[in-house]
Amino acid sequence: MKNVRFPIFFATLYLLVYTVGANMGWLSTPVVATLWLLSPVVVGWMAYRILKYGVPSGHTFDEQFYEDYKPN
């Protein structure tokens, strides 16, 4: 799980900088356009790292709908 923390943190920070910077006027139009064009690469890289190095749940969909749900 340690291998997937950095991509998640980086992608979240990237989105935060892009969103806040564009809406507050801190970034110029070419920078916003470049960040927008590179965003699929960042999300794809994050998804690849999670799928390759993430730890599977161990439960099937029939056993447990999602991790927080505990059937009675």
PDB file of N, CA and C in Angstrom:
ATOM      1  N   MET A   1       0.811  -1.185   0.000  1.00  0.00           N
ATOM      2  CA  MET A   1       0.000   0.000   0.000  1.00  0.00           C
ATOM      3  C   MET A   1       0.857   1.252   0.000  1.00  0.00           C
ATOM      4  N   LYS A   2       2.080   1.120   0.431  1.00  0.00           N
ATOM      5  CA  LYS A   2       2.969   2.268   0.487  1.00  0.00           C
ATOM      6  C   LYS A   2       3.266   2.809  -0.912  1.00  0.00           C
ATOM      7  N   ASN A   3       3.276   1.930  -1.911  1.00  0.00           N
ATOM      8  CA  ASN A   3       3.587   2.347  -3.274  1.00  0.00           C
ATOM      9  C   ASN A   3       2.490   3.190  -3.906  1.00  0.00           C
ATOM     10  N   VAL A   4       1.271   3.129  -3.409  1.00  0.00           N
ATOM     11  CA  VAL A   4       0.171   3.868  -4.027  1.00  0.00           C
ATOM     12  C   VAL A   4      -0.139   5.173  -3.307  1.00  0.00           C
ATOM     13  N   ARG A   5       0.456   5.431  -2.185  1.00  0.00           N
ATOM     14  CA  ARG A   5       0.170   6.678  -1.464  1.00  0.00           C
ATOM     15  C   ARG A   5       0.681   7.899  -2.214  1.00  0.00           C
ATOM     16  N   PHE A   6       1.873   7.835  -2.761  1.00  0.00           N
ATOM     17  CA  PHE A   6       2.407   8.993  -3.468  1.00  0.00           C
ATOM     18  C   PHE A   6       1.592   9.347  -4.704  1.00  0.00           C
ATOM     19  N   PRO A   7       1.214   8.409  -5.569  1.00  0.00           N
ATOM     20  CA  PRO A   7       0.393   8.794  -6.718  1.00  0.00           C
ATOM     21  C   PRO A   7      -0.947   9.405  -6.323  1.00  0.00           C
ATOM     22  N   ILE A   8      -1.565   8.895  -5.278  1.00  0.00           N
ATOM     23  CA  ILE A   8      -2.839   9.458  -4.825  1.00  0.00           C
ATOM     24  C   ILE A   8      -2.627  10.872  -4.295  1.00  0.00           C
ATOM     25  N   PHE A   9      -1.596  11.056  -3.490  1.00  0.00           N
ATOM     26  CA  PHE A   9      -1.284  12.379  -2.958  1.00  0.00           C
ATOM     27  C   PHE A   9      -0.948  13.352  -4.082  1.00  0.00           C
ATOM     28  N   PHE A  10      -0.127  12.928  -5.023  1.00  0.00           N
ATOM     29  CA  PHE A  10       0.281  13.802  -6.122  1.00  0.00           C
ATOM     30  C   PHE A  10      -0.901  14.193  -7.000  1.00  0.00           C
ATOM     31  N   ALA A  11      -1.755  13.237  -7.347  1.00  0.00           N
ATOM     32  CA  ALA A  11      -2.912  13.528  -8.200  1.00  0.00           C
ATOM     33  C   ALA A  11      -3.897  14.453  -7.487  1.00  0.00           C
ATOM     34  N   THR A  12      -4.084  14.257  -6.193  1.00  0.00           N
ATOM     35  CA  THR A  12      -4.966  15.135  -5.432  1.00  0.00           C
ATOM     36  C   THR A  12      -4.397  16.547  -5.348  1.00  0.00           C
ATOM     37  N   LEU A  13      -3.112  16.665  -5.088  1.00  0.00           N
ATOM     38  CA  LEU A  13      -2.461  17.975  -5.052  1.00  0.00           C
ATOM     39  C   LEU A  13      -2.508  18.654  -6.411  1.00  0.00           C
ATOM     40  N   TYR A  14      -2.305  17.894  -7.467  1.00  0.00           N
ATOM     41  CA  TYR A  14      -2.380  18.410  -8.839  1.00  0.00           C
ATOM     42  C   TYR A  14      -3.773  18.985  -9.111  1.00  0.00           C
ATOM     43  N   LEU A  15      -4.801  18.238  -8.756  1.00  0.00           N
ATOM     44  CA  LEU A  15      -6.169  18.712  -8.948  1.00  0.00           C
ATOM     45  C   LEU A  15      -6.445  19.956  -8.123  1.00  0.00           C
ATOM     46  N   LEU A  16      -5.966  19.981  -6.894  1.00  0.00           N
ATOM     47  CA  LEU A  16      -6.174  21.129  -6.022  1.00  0.00           C
ATOM     48  C   LEU A  16      -5.490  22.381  -6.581  1.00  0.00           C
ATOM     49  N   VAL A  17      -4.247  22.252  -7.013  1.00  0.00           N
ATOM     50  CA  VAL A  17      -3.521  23.389  -7.596  1.00  0.00           C
ATOM     51  C   VAL A  17      -4.207  23.857  -8.868  1.00  0.00           C
ATOM     52  N   TYR A  18      -4.614  22.933  -9.705  1.00  0.00           N
ATOM     53  CA  TYR A  18      -5.292  23.285 -10.954  1.00  0.00           C
ATOM     54  C   TYR A  18      -6.606  24.018 -10.684  1.00  0.00           C
ATOM     55  N   THR A  19      -7.418  23.486  -9.793  1.00  0.00           N
ATOM     56  CA  THR A  19      -8.734  24.064  -9.528  1.00  0.00           C
ATOM     57  C   THR A  19      -8.630  25.420  -8.835  1.00  0.00           C
ATOM     58  N   VAL A  20      -7.881  25.475  -7.759  1.00  0.00           N
ATOM     59  CA  VAL A  20      -7.769  26.725  -7.009  1.00  0.00           C
ATOM     60  C   VAL A  20      -7.014  27.778  -7.826  1.00  0.00           C
ATOM     61  N   GLY A  21      -5.931  27.363  -8.456  1.00  0.00           N
ATOM     62  CA  GLY A  21      -5.147  28.315  -9.245  1.00  0.00           C
ATOM     63  C   GLY A  21      -5.920  28.912 -10.399  1.00  0.00           C
ATOM     64  N   ALA A  22      -6.715  28.101 -11.067  1.00  0.00           N
ATOM     65  CA  ALA A  22      -7.505  28.602 -12.200  1.00  0.00           C
ATOM     66  C   ALA A  22      -8.636  29.509 -11.734  1.00  0.00           C
ATOM     67  N   ASN A  23      -9.310  29.146 -10.649  1.00  0.00           N
ATOM     68  CA  ASN A  23     -10.446  29.939 -10.171  1.00  0.00           C
ATOM     69  C   ASN A  23     -10.034  31.215  -9.452  1.00  0.00           C
ATOM     70  N   MET A  24      -8.886  31.227  -8.823  1.00  0.00           N
ATOM     71  CA  MET A  24      -8.435  32.421  -8.105  1.00  0.00           C
ATOM     72  C   MET A  24      -7.626  33.358  -9.005  1.00  0.00           C
ATOM     73  N   GLY A  25      -7.323  32.924 -10.216  1.00  0.00           N
ATOM     74  CA  GLY A  25      -6.566  33.759 -11.131  1.00  0.00           C
ATOM     75  C   GLY A  25      -5.067  33.746 -10.897  1.00  0.00           C
ATOM     76  N   TRP A  26      -4.578  32.766 -10.161  1.00  0.00           N
ATOM     77  CA  TRP A  26      -3.158  32.675  -9.876  1.00  0.00           C
ATOM     78  C   TRP A  26      -2.363  32.137 -11.064  1.00  0.00           C
ATOM     79  N   LEU A  27      -3.016  31.412 -11.951  1.00  0.00           N
ATOM     80  CA  LEU A  27      -2.333  30.788 -13.082  1.00  0.00           C
ATOM     81  C   LEU A  27      -2.767  31.465 -14.376  1.00  0.00           C
ATOM     82  N   SER A  28      -1.831  31.599 -15.284  1.00  0.00           N
ATOM     83  CA  SER A  28      -2.160  32.193 -16.582  1.00  0.00           C
ATOM     84  C   SER A  28      -2.890  31.160 -17.447  1.00  0.00           C
ATOM     85  N   THR A  29      -3.469  31.638 -18.516  1.00  0.00           N
ATOM     86  CA  THR A  29      -4.242  30.763 -19.404  1.00  0.00           C
ATOM     87  C   THR A  29      -3.391  29.641 -20.005  1.00  0.00           C
ATOM     88  N   PRO A  30      -2.166  29.903 -20.483  1.00  0.00           N
ATOM     89  CA  PRO A  30      -1.369  28.782 -21.005  1.00  0.00           C
ATOM     90  C   PRO A  30      -1.028  27.732 -19.950  1.00  0.00           C
ATOM     91  N   VAL A  31      -0.813  28.159 -18.711  1.00  0.00           N
ATOM     92  CA  VAL A  31      -0.511  27.194 -17.643  1.00  0.00           C
ATOM     93  C   VAL A  31      -1.744  26.348 -17.332  1.00  0.00           C
ATOM     94  N   VAL A  32      -2.909  26.983 -17.278  1.00  0.00           N
ATOM     95  CA  VAL A  32      -4.151  26.251 -17.030  1.00  0.00           C
ATOM     96  C   VAL A  32      -4.408  25.260 -18.160  1.00  0.00           C
ATOM     97  N   ALA A  33      -4.190  25.680 -19.394  1.00  0.00           N
ATOM     98  CA  ALA A  33      -4.395  24.786 -20.539  1.00  0.00           C
ATOM     99  C   ALA A  33      -3.423  23.613 -20.498  1.00  0.00           C
ATOM    100  N   THR A  34      -2.177  23.864 -20.124  1.00  0.00           N
ATOM    101  CA  THR A  34      -1.187  22.787 -20.029  1.00  0.00           C
ATOM    102  C   THR A  34      -1.551  21.805 -18.925  1.00  0.00           C
ATOM    103  N   LEU A  35      -1.959  22.329 -17.770  1.00  0.00           N
ATOM    104  CA  LEU A  35      -2.372  21.447 -16.672  1.00  0.00           C
ATOM    105  C   LEU A  35      -3.595  20.621 -17.068  1.00  0.00           C
ATOM    106  N   TRP A  36      -4.516  21.241 -17.790  1.00  0.00           N
ATOM    107  CA  TRP A  36      -5.708  20.524 -18.240  1.00  0.00           C
ATOM    108  C   TRP A  36      -5.337  19.408 -19.224  1.00  0.00           C
ATOM    109  N   LEU A  37      -4.410  19.707 -20.135  1.00  0.00           N
ATOM    110  CA  LEU A  37      -4.000  18.697 -21.114  1.00  0.00           C
ATOM    111  C   LEU A  37      -3.231  17.542 -20.465  1.00  0.00           C
ATOM    112  N   LEU A  38      -2.513  17.819 -19.394  1.00  0.00           N
ATOM    113  CA  LEU A  38      -1.730  16.777 -18.724  1.00  0.00           C
ATOM    114  C   LEU A  38      -2.530  16.002 -17.672  1.00  0.00           C
ATOM    115  N   SER A  39      -3.709  16.475 -17.322  1.00  0.00           N
ATOM    116  CA  SER A  39      -4.476  15.819 -16.263  1.00  0.00           C
ATOM    117  C   SER A  39      -4.846  14.363 -16.574  1.00  0.00           C
ATOM    118  N   PRO A  40      -5.180  13.987 -17.818  1.00  0.00           N
ATOM    119  CA  PRO A  40      -5.433  12.559 -18.057  1.00  0.00           C
ATOM    120  C   PRO A  40      -4.204  11.679 -17.831  1.00  0.00           C
ATOM    121  N   VAL A  41      -3.030  12.224 -18.075  1.00  0.00           N
ATOM    122  CA  VAL A  41      -1.794  11.470 -17.838  1.00  0.00           C
ATOM    123  C   VAL A  41      -1.625  11.225 -16.339  1.00  0.00           C
ATOM    124  N   VAL A  42      -1.877  12.254 -15.529  1.00  0.00           N
ATOM    125  CA  VAL A  42      -1.738  12.123 -14.074  1.00  0.00           C
ATOM    126  C   VAL A  42      -2.745  11.111 -13.529  1.00  0.00           C
ATOM    127  N   VAL A  43      -3.989  11.200 -13.970  1.00  0.00           N
ATOM    128  CA  VAL A  43      -5.020  10.270 -13.494  1.00  0.00           C
ATOM    129  C   VAL A  43      -4.730   8.848 -13.988  1.00  0.00           C
ATOM    130  N   GLY A  44      -4.287   8.710 -15.221  1.00  0.00           N
ATOM    131  CA  GLY A  44      -3.938   7.386 -15.755  1.00  0.00           C
ATOM    132  C   GLY A  44      -2.780   6.764 -15.007  1.00  0.00           C
ATOM    133  N   TRP A  45      -1.764   7.578 -14.692  1.00  0.00           N
ATOM    134  CA  TRP A  45      -0.609   7.091 -13.936  1.00  0.00           C
ATOM    135  C   TRP A  45      -1.042   6.643 -12.539  1.00  0.00           C
ATOM    136  N   MET A  46      -1.924   7.432 -11.905  1.00  0.00           N
ATOM    137  CA  MET A  46      -2.414   7.065 -10.584  1.00  0.00           C
ATOM    138  C   MET A  46      -3.202   5.754 -10.652  1.00  0.00           C
ATOM    139  N   ALA A  47      -4.080   5.627 -11.633  1.00  0.00           N
ATOM    140  CA  ALA A  47      -4.877   4.407 -11.765  1.00  0.00           C
ATOM    141  C   ALA A  47      -3.991   3.195 -12.033  1.00  0.00           C
ATOM    142  N   TYR A  48      -2.986   3.355 -12.871  1.00  0.00           N
ATOM    143  CA  TYR A  48      -2.057   2.262 -13.164  1.00  0.00           C
ATOM    144  C   TYR A  48      -1.333   1.806 -11.901  1.00  0.00           C
ATOM    145  N   ARG A  49      -0.844   2.761 -11.120  1.00  0.00           N
ATOM    146  CA  ARG A  49      -0.115   2.405  -9.900  1.00  0.00           C
ATOM    147  C   ARG A  49      -1.025   1.720  -8.876  1.00  0.00           C
ATOM    148  N   ILE A  50      -2.265   2.189  -8.773  1.00  0.00           N
ATOM    149  CA  ILE A  50      -3.200   1.571  -7.835  1.00  0.00           C
ATOM    150  C   ILE A  50      -3.528   0.151  -8.282  1.00  0.00           C
ATOM    151  N   LEU A  51      -3.790  -0.040  -9.559  1.00  0.00           N
ATOM    152  CA  LEU A  51      -4.127  -1.375 -10.048  1.00  0.00           C
ATOM    153  C   LEU A  51      -2.948  -2.329  -9.981  1.00  0.00           C
ATOM    154  N   LYS A  52      -1.739  -1.825 -10.211  1.00  0.00           N
ATOM    155  CA  LYS A  52      -0.562  -2.696 -10.211  1.00  0.00           C
ATOM    156  C   LYS A  52      -0.058  -2.994  -8.805  1.00  0.00           C
ATOM    157  N   TYR A  53      -0.025  -1.992  -7.929  1.00  0.00           N
ATOM    158  CA  TYR A  53       0.599  -2.164  -6.617  1.00  0.00           C
ATOM    159  C   TYR A  53      -0.385  -2.127  -5.449  1.00  0.00           C
ATOM    160  N   GLY A  54      -1.648  -1.886  -5.708  1.00  0.00           N
ATOM    161  CA  GLY A  54      -2.634  -1.856  -4.626  1.00  0.00           C
ATOM    162  C   GLY A  54      -2.908  -3.243  -4.071  1.00  0.00           C
ATOM    163  N   VAL A  55      -3.435  -3.293  -2.882  1.00  0.00           N
ATOM    164  CA  VAL A  55      -3.755  -4.559  -2.220  1.00  0.00           C
ATOM    165  C   VAL A  55      -5.247  -4.835  -2.412  1.00  0.00           C
ATOM    166  N   PRO A  56      -5.604  -5.980  -2.990  1.00  0.00           N
ATOM    167  CA  PRO A  56      -7.022  -6.290  -3.168  1.00  0.00           C
ATOM    168  C   PRO A  56      -7.730  -6.466  -1.834  1.00  0.00           C
ATOM    169  N   SER A  57      -9.015  -6.320  -1.852  1.00  0.00           N
ATOM    170  CA  SER A  57      -9.822  -6.368  -0.638  1.00  0.00           C
ATOM    171  C   SER A  57      -9.835  -7.748   0.007  1.00  0.00           C
ATOM    172  N   GLY A  58      -9.940  -8.780  -0.764  1.00  0.00           N
ATOM    173  CA  GLY A  58     -10.054 -10.118  -0.204  1.00  0.00           C
ATOM    174  C   GLY A  58     -11.489 -10.584  -0.107  1.00  0.00           C
ATOM    175  N   HIS A  59     -12.431  -9.699  -0.311  1.00  0.00           N
ATOM    176  CA  HIS A  59     -13.855 -10.027  -0.282  1.00  0.00           C
ATOM    177  C   HIS A  59     -14.396  -9.987  -1.707  1.00  0.00           C
ATOM    178  N   THR A  60     -15.384 -10.830  -1.962  1.00  0.00           N
ATOM    179  CA  THR A  60     -16.063 -10.765  -3.246  1.00  0.00           C
ATOM    180  C   THR A  60     -17.237  -9.804  -3.140  1.00  0.00           C
ATOM    181  N   PHE A  61     -17.782  -9.423  -4.269  1.00  0.00           N
ATOM    182  CA  PHE A  61     -18.916  -8.509  -4.288  1.00  0.00           C
ATOM    183  C   PHE A  61     -20.132  -9.129  -3.610  1.00  0.00           C
ATOM    184  N   ASP A  62     -20.293 -10.437  -3.737  1.00  0.00           N
ATOM    185  CA  ASP A  62     -21.433 -11.106  -3.108  1.00  0.00           C
ATOM    186  C   ASP A  62     -21.284 -11.196  -1.590  1.00  0.00           C
ATOM    187  N   GLU A  63     -20.064 -11.317  -1.109  1.00  0.00           N
ATOM    188  CA  GLU A  63     -19.832 -11.405   0.333  1.00  0.00           C
ATOM    189  C   GLU A  63     -20.043 -10.061   1.028  1.00  0.00           C
ATOM    190  N   GLN A  64     -19.525  -9.022   0.423  1.00  0.00           N
ATOM    191  CA  GLN A  64     -19.544  -7.711   1.051  1.00  0.00           C
ATOM    192  C   GLN A  64     -19.682  -6.659  -0.040  1.00  0.00           C
ATOM    193  N   PHE A  65     -20.741  -5.851   0.051  1.00  0.00           N
ATOM    194  CA  PHE A  65     -21.030  -4.861  -0.995  1.00  0.00           C
ATOM    195  C   PHE A  65     -19.902  -3.843  -1.105  1.00  0.00           C
ATOM    196  N   TYR A  66     -19.436  -3.297   0.006  1.00  0.00           N
ATOM    197  CA  TYR A  66     -18.256  -2.451   0.043  1.00  0.00           C
ATOM    198  C   TYR A  66     -17.640  -2.566   1.437  1.00  0.00           C
ATOM    199  N   GLU A  67     -16.462  -2.038   1.630  1.00  0.00           N
ATOM    200  CA  GLU A  67     -15.677  -2.308   2.841  1.00  0.00           C
ATOM    201  C   GLU A  67     -16.359  -1.865   4.128  1.00  0.00           C
ATOM    202  N   ASP A  68     -17.103  -0.766   4.116  1.00  0.00           N
ATOM    203  CA  ASP A  68     -17.711  -0.271   5.341  1.00  0.00           C
ATOM    204  C   ASP A  68     -19.013  -0.977   5.680  1.00  0.00           C
ATOM    205  N   TYR A  69     -19.563  -1.708   4.754  1.00  0.00           N
ATOM    206  CA  TYR A  69     -20.856  -2.358   4.950  1.00  0.00           C
ATOM    207  C   TYR A  69     -20.673  -3.701   5.634  1.00  0.00           C
ATOM    208  N   LYS A  70     -21.349  -3.896   6.751  1.00  0.00           N
ATOM    209  CA  LYS A  70     -21.310  -5.175   7.458  1.00  0.00           C
ATOM    210  C   LYS A  70     -22.736  -5.739   7.483  1.00  0.00           C
ATOM    211  N   PRO A  71     -22.991  -6.810   6.725  1.00  0.00           N
ATOM    212  CA  PRO A  71     -24.342  -7.383   6.738  1.00  0.00           C
ATOM    213  C   PRO A  71     -24.675  -7.978   8.100  1.00  0.00           C
ATOM    214  N   ASN A  72     -25.938  -7.931   8.447  1.00  0.00           N
ATOM    215  CA  ASN A  72     -26.380  -8.468   9.740  1.00  0.00           C
ATOM    216  C   ASN A  72     -26.456  -9.954   9.755  1.00  0.00           C
TER     217      ASN A  72
END
